[in-house]
């Protein structure tokens, strides 16, 4: 018990002071190693008690993730929250559910401000969330994207007497 307390304190200090949430995998590997897992599969006995692991998850890791979501701006191409939040779902599914309304709101706002010249960035932004969100949420986000696409289509000039062809809106590839 004393050895576990010392190990847990050291891990807490490291996670608090050193770990960057945007680099999820080293911390996930640590948590899975402490649980006796490899690649998400139980391989051996846990190295510390489940209560100590839960304590790390709930008092250090989740609060850091929560603060990072608060600070996250979808337009920041170097900070893709779906890439660092999604891998935590197997370990913090219920806790992360409380962050999803904020994530959905921020993604919706980003889609509402979408410009066709940022097509690739929006696609990259949404891709990790396809595995995270349920169908209803994805439909809601699609509605925001469709609204933006409709605005782009309204800007196409159609002149049957002098039409060389319809220009393809730059927004269309992002939806595929």
Protein backbone atom coordinates (compact mmCIF):
# COMPACT_ATOMS: atom_id res chain seq x y z
CA UNK A 1 0.00 0.00 0.00
CA UNK A 2 2.81 2.43 0.85
CA UNK A 3 4.67 1.57 -2.36
CA UNK A 4 1.50 2.14 -4.37
CA UNK A 5 0.95 5.53 -2.73
CA UNK A 6 4.49 6.59 -3.63
CA UNK A 7 4.09 5.42 -7.22
CA UNK A 8 0.70 7.11 -7.57
CA UNK A 9 2.02 10.42 -6.17
CA UNK A 10 4.90 10.34 -8.65
CA UNK A 11 2.52 9.64 -11.52
CA UNK A 12 0.16 12.42 -10.37
CA UNK A 13 3.03 14.90 -10.30
CA UNK A 14 4.21 13.86 -13.74
CA UNK A 15 0.72 14.03 -15.25
CA UNK A 16 0.01 17.38 -13.63
CA UNK A 17 3.28 19.05 -14.59
CA UNK A 18 4.50 17.28 -17.72
CA UNK A 19 1.68 15.69 -19.69
CA UNK A 20 0.22 17.59 -22.64
CA UNK A 21 -3.35 16.45 -23.38
CA UNK A 22 -2.74 16.92 -27.11
CA UNK A 23 -0.36 13.97 -26.91
CA UNK A 24 -2.85 11.42 -25.58
CA UNK A 25 -1.13 8.15 -26.40
CA UNK A 26 1.74 8.18 -23.89
CA UNK A 27 -0.76 8.76 -21.08
CA UNK A 28 -3.20 6.18 -22.41
CA UNK A 29 -0.34 3.69 -22.64
CA UNK A 30 0.55 4.48 -19.02
CA UNK A 31 -3.05 4.01 -17.83
CA UNK A 32 -3.44 0.77 -19.77
CA UNK A 33 -0.09 -0.45 -18.44
CA UNK A 34 -1.20 0.29 -14.89
CA UNK A 35 -4.39 -1.67 -15.59
CA UNK A 36 -2.35 -4.58 -16.95
CA UNK A 37 -3.56 -4.01 -20.49
CA UNK A 38 -1.82 -4.00 -23.86
CA UNK A 39 -3.60 -2.63 -26.91
CA UNK A 40 -6.81 -2.32 -24.92
CA UNK A 41 -6.81 -6.01 -23.92
CA UNK A 42 -6.25 -7.30 -20.38
CA UNK A 43 -2.92 -9.16 -20.41
CA UNK A 44 -1.88 -9.39 -16.78
CA UNK A 45 -2.74 -8.28 -13.27
CA UNK A 46 -3.06 -4.55 -12.68
CA UNK A 47 0.02 -2.84 -11.26
CA UNK A 48 -2.00 -0.61 -8.93
CA UNK A 49 -5.52 -0.81 -7.54
CA UNK A 50 -8.52 0.15 -9.66
CA UNK A 51 -9.37 2.85 -7.10
CA UNK A 52 -5.93 4.45 -7.66
CA UNK A 53 -6.41 4.27 -11.42
CA UNK A 54 -9.89 5.79 -11.11
CA UNK A 55 -8.43 8.51 -8.91
CA UNK A 56 -5.84 9.38 -11.59
CA UNK A 57 -8.48 9.39 -14.29
CA UNK A 58 -10.99 11.50 -12.34
CA UNK A 59 -8.74 13.95 -10.49
CA UNK A 60 -5.90 14.53 -12.95
CA UNK A 61 -6.65 13.32 -16.47
CA UNK A 62 -10.32 14.26 -16.89
CA UNK A 63 -9.91 17.78 -15.44
CA UNK A 64 -6.99 18.42 -17.82
CA UNK A 65 -9.07 17.17 -20.74
CA UNK A 66 -11.98 19.34 -19.62
CA UNK A 67 -9.79 22.47 -19.47
CA UNK A 68 -8.35 21.66 -22.88
CA UNK A 69 -11.85 21.37 -24.38
CA UNK A 70 -12.76 24.75 -22.86
CA UNK A 71 -9.68 26.31 -24.50
CA UNK A 72 -10.03 24.41 -27.78
CA UNK A 73 -10.77 26.40 -30.92
CA UNK A 74 -11.78 24.27 -33.92
CA UNK A 75 -10.03 26.67 -36.29
CA UNK A 76 -6.66 25.82 -34.73
CA UNK A 77 -5.30 23.28 -37.22
CA UNK A 78 -2.56 22.22 -34.80
CA UNK A 79 -5.07 21.30 -32.10
CA UNK A 80 -7.56 18.70 -33.34
CA UNK A 81 -9.57 17.77 -30.25
CA UNK A 82 -11.05 14.67 -31.87
CA UNK A 83 -7.55 13.25 -32.15
CA UNK A 84 -6.70 13.67 -28.46
CA UNK A 85 -10.15 13.28 -26.91
CA UNK A 86 -11.43 10.27 -28.84
CA UNK A 87 -8.79 7.80 -27.61
CA UNK A 88 -9.96 8.42 -24.02
CA UNK A 89 -13.49 7.13 -24.67
CA UNK A 90 -12.78 3.56 -23.50
CA UNK A 91 -11.45 4.91 -20.20
CA UNK A 92 -13.66 7.96 -19.56
CA UNK A 93 -16.83 7.44 -21.60
CA UNK A 94 -19.31 8.73 -19.00
CA UNK A 95 -17.12 11.66 -18.01
CA UNK A 96 -16.44 12.70 -21.60
CA UNK A 97 -20.17 12.74 -22.31
CA UNK A 98 -20.36 15.87 -20.17
CA UNK A 99 -17.91 17.61 -22.54
CA UNK A 100 -19.71 16.72 -25.76
CA UNK A 101 -22.29 19.55 -25.69
CA UNK A 102 -19.44 22.07 -25.68
CA UNK A 103 -17.64 20.19 -28.45
CA UNK A 104 -20.81 20.03 -30.57
CA UNK A 105 -21.47 23.75 -30.05
CA UNK A 106 -17.93 24.67 -31.09
CA UNK A 107 -18.03 22.40 -34.14
CA UNK A 108 -21.42 23.83 -35.16
CA UNK A 109 -20.10 27.37 -34.87
CA UNK A 110 -17.08 26.40 -36.93
CA UNK A 111 -19.28 24.91 -39.64
CA UNK A 112 -21.49 28.01 -39.62
CA UNK A 113 -18.38 30.10 -40.38
CA UNK A 114 -17.08 27.65 -43.01
CA UNK A 115 -15.56 29.12 -46.15
CA UNK A 116 -15.02 26.97 -49.24
CA UNK A 117 -11.34 27.85 -49.39
CA UNK A 118 -11.00 26.11 -46.00
CA UNK A 119 -12.51 22.94 -47.37
CA UNK A 120 -9.65 20.57 -46.53
CA UNK A 121 -9.33 21.96 -43.01
CA UNK A 122 -13.02 21.38 -42.28
CA UNK A 123 -12.78 17.83 -43.57
CA UNK A 124 -9.75 17.19 -41.33
CA UNK A 125 -11.57 18.80 -38.41
CA UNK A 126 -14.65 16.59 -38.74
CA UNK A 127 -13.02 13.27 -39.63
CA UNK A 128 -12.06 12.15 -36.07
CA UNK A 129 -15.56 12.94 -34.80
CA UNK A 130 -17.17 10.45 -37.19
CA UNK A 131 -16.08 7.63 -34.87
CA UNK A 132 -17.07 9.52 -31.72
CA UNK A 133 -20.49 11.04 -32.32
CA UNK A 134 -23.74 9.19 -32.73
CA UNK A 135 -25.81 9.43 -35.92
CA UNK A 136 -28.13 12.12 -34.53
CA UNK A 137 -25.20 14.42 -33.71
CA UNK A 138 -23.59 13.81 -37.09
CA UNK A 139 -26.90 14.64 -38.79
CA UNK A 140 -27.07 17.88 -36.84
CA UNK A 141 -23.53 18.80 -37.87
CA UNK A 142 -24.36 17.87 -41.47
CA UNK A 143 -27.23 20.34 -41.33
CA UNK A 144 -24.76 23.12 -40.51
CA UNK A 145 -22.53 22.05 -43.40
CA UNK A 146 -25.52 21.81 -45.77
CA UNK A 147 -26.62 25.31 -44.79
CA UNK A 148 -23.22 26.66 -45.65
CA UNK A 149 -23.22 24.73 -48.94
CA UNK A 150 -26.63 26.21 -49.81
CA UNK A 151 -25.18 29.70 -49.34
CA UNK A 152 -22.35 28.82 -51.73
CA UNK A 153 -24.80 27.46 -54.32
CA UNK A 154 -26.78 30.73 -54.20
CA UNK A 155 -23.65 32.57 -55.32
CA UNK A 156 -23.45 30.63 -58.60
CA UNK A 157 -24.60 32.77 -61.50
CA UNK A 158 -26.76 30.95 -63.98
CA UNK A 159 -27.26 32.51 -67.40
CA UNK A 160 -28.83 30.09 -69.90
CA UNK A 161 -27.90 32.30 -72.87
CA UNK A 162 -24.21 32.43 -72.04
CA UNK A 163 -23.45 29.50 -69.79
CA UNK A 164 -20.16 27.71 -70.35
CA UNK A 165 -21.03 25.17 -67.66
CA UNK A 166 -21.81 25.33 -63.99
CA UNK A 167 -18.87 25.96 -61.72
CA UNK A 168 -18.59 23.37 -58.99
CA UNK A 169 -18.78 24.97 -55.58
CA UNK A 170 -15.53 24.49 -53.72
CA UNK A 171 -17.49 23.33 -50.68
CA UNK A 172 -18.74 20.06 -52.19
CA UNK A 173 -15.60 17.88 -51.67
CA UNK A 174 -15.67 18.50 -47.91
CA UNK A 175 -18.95 16.66 -47.61
CA UNK A 176 -17.62 13.46 -49.15
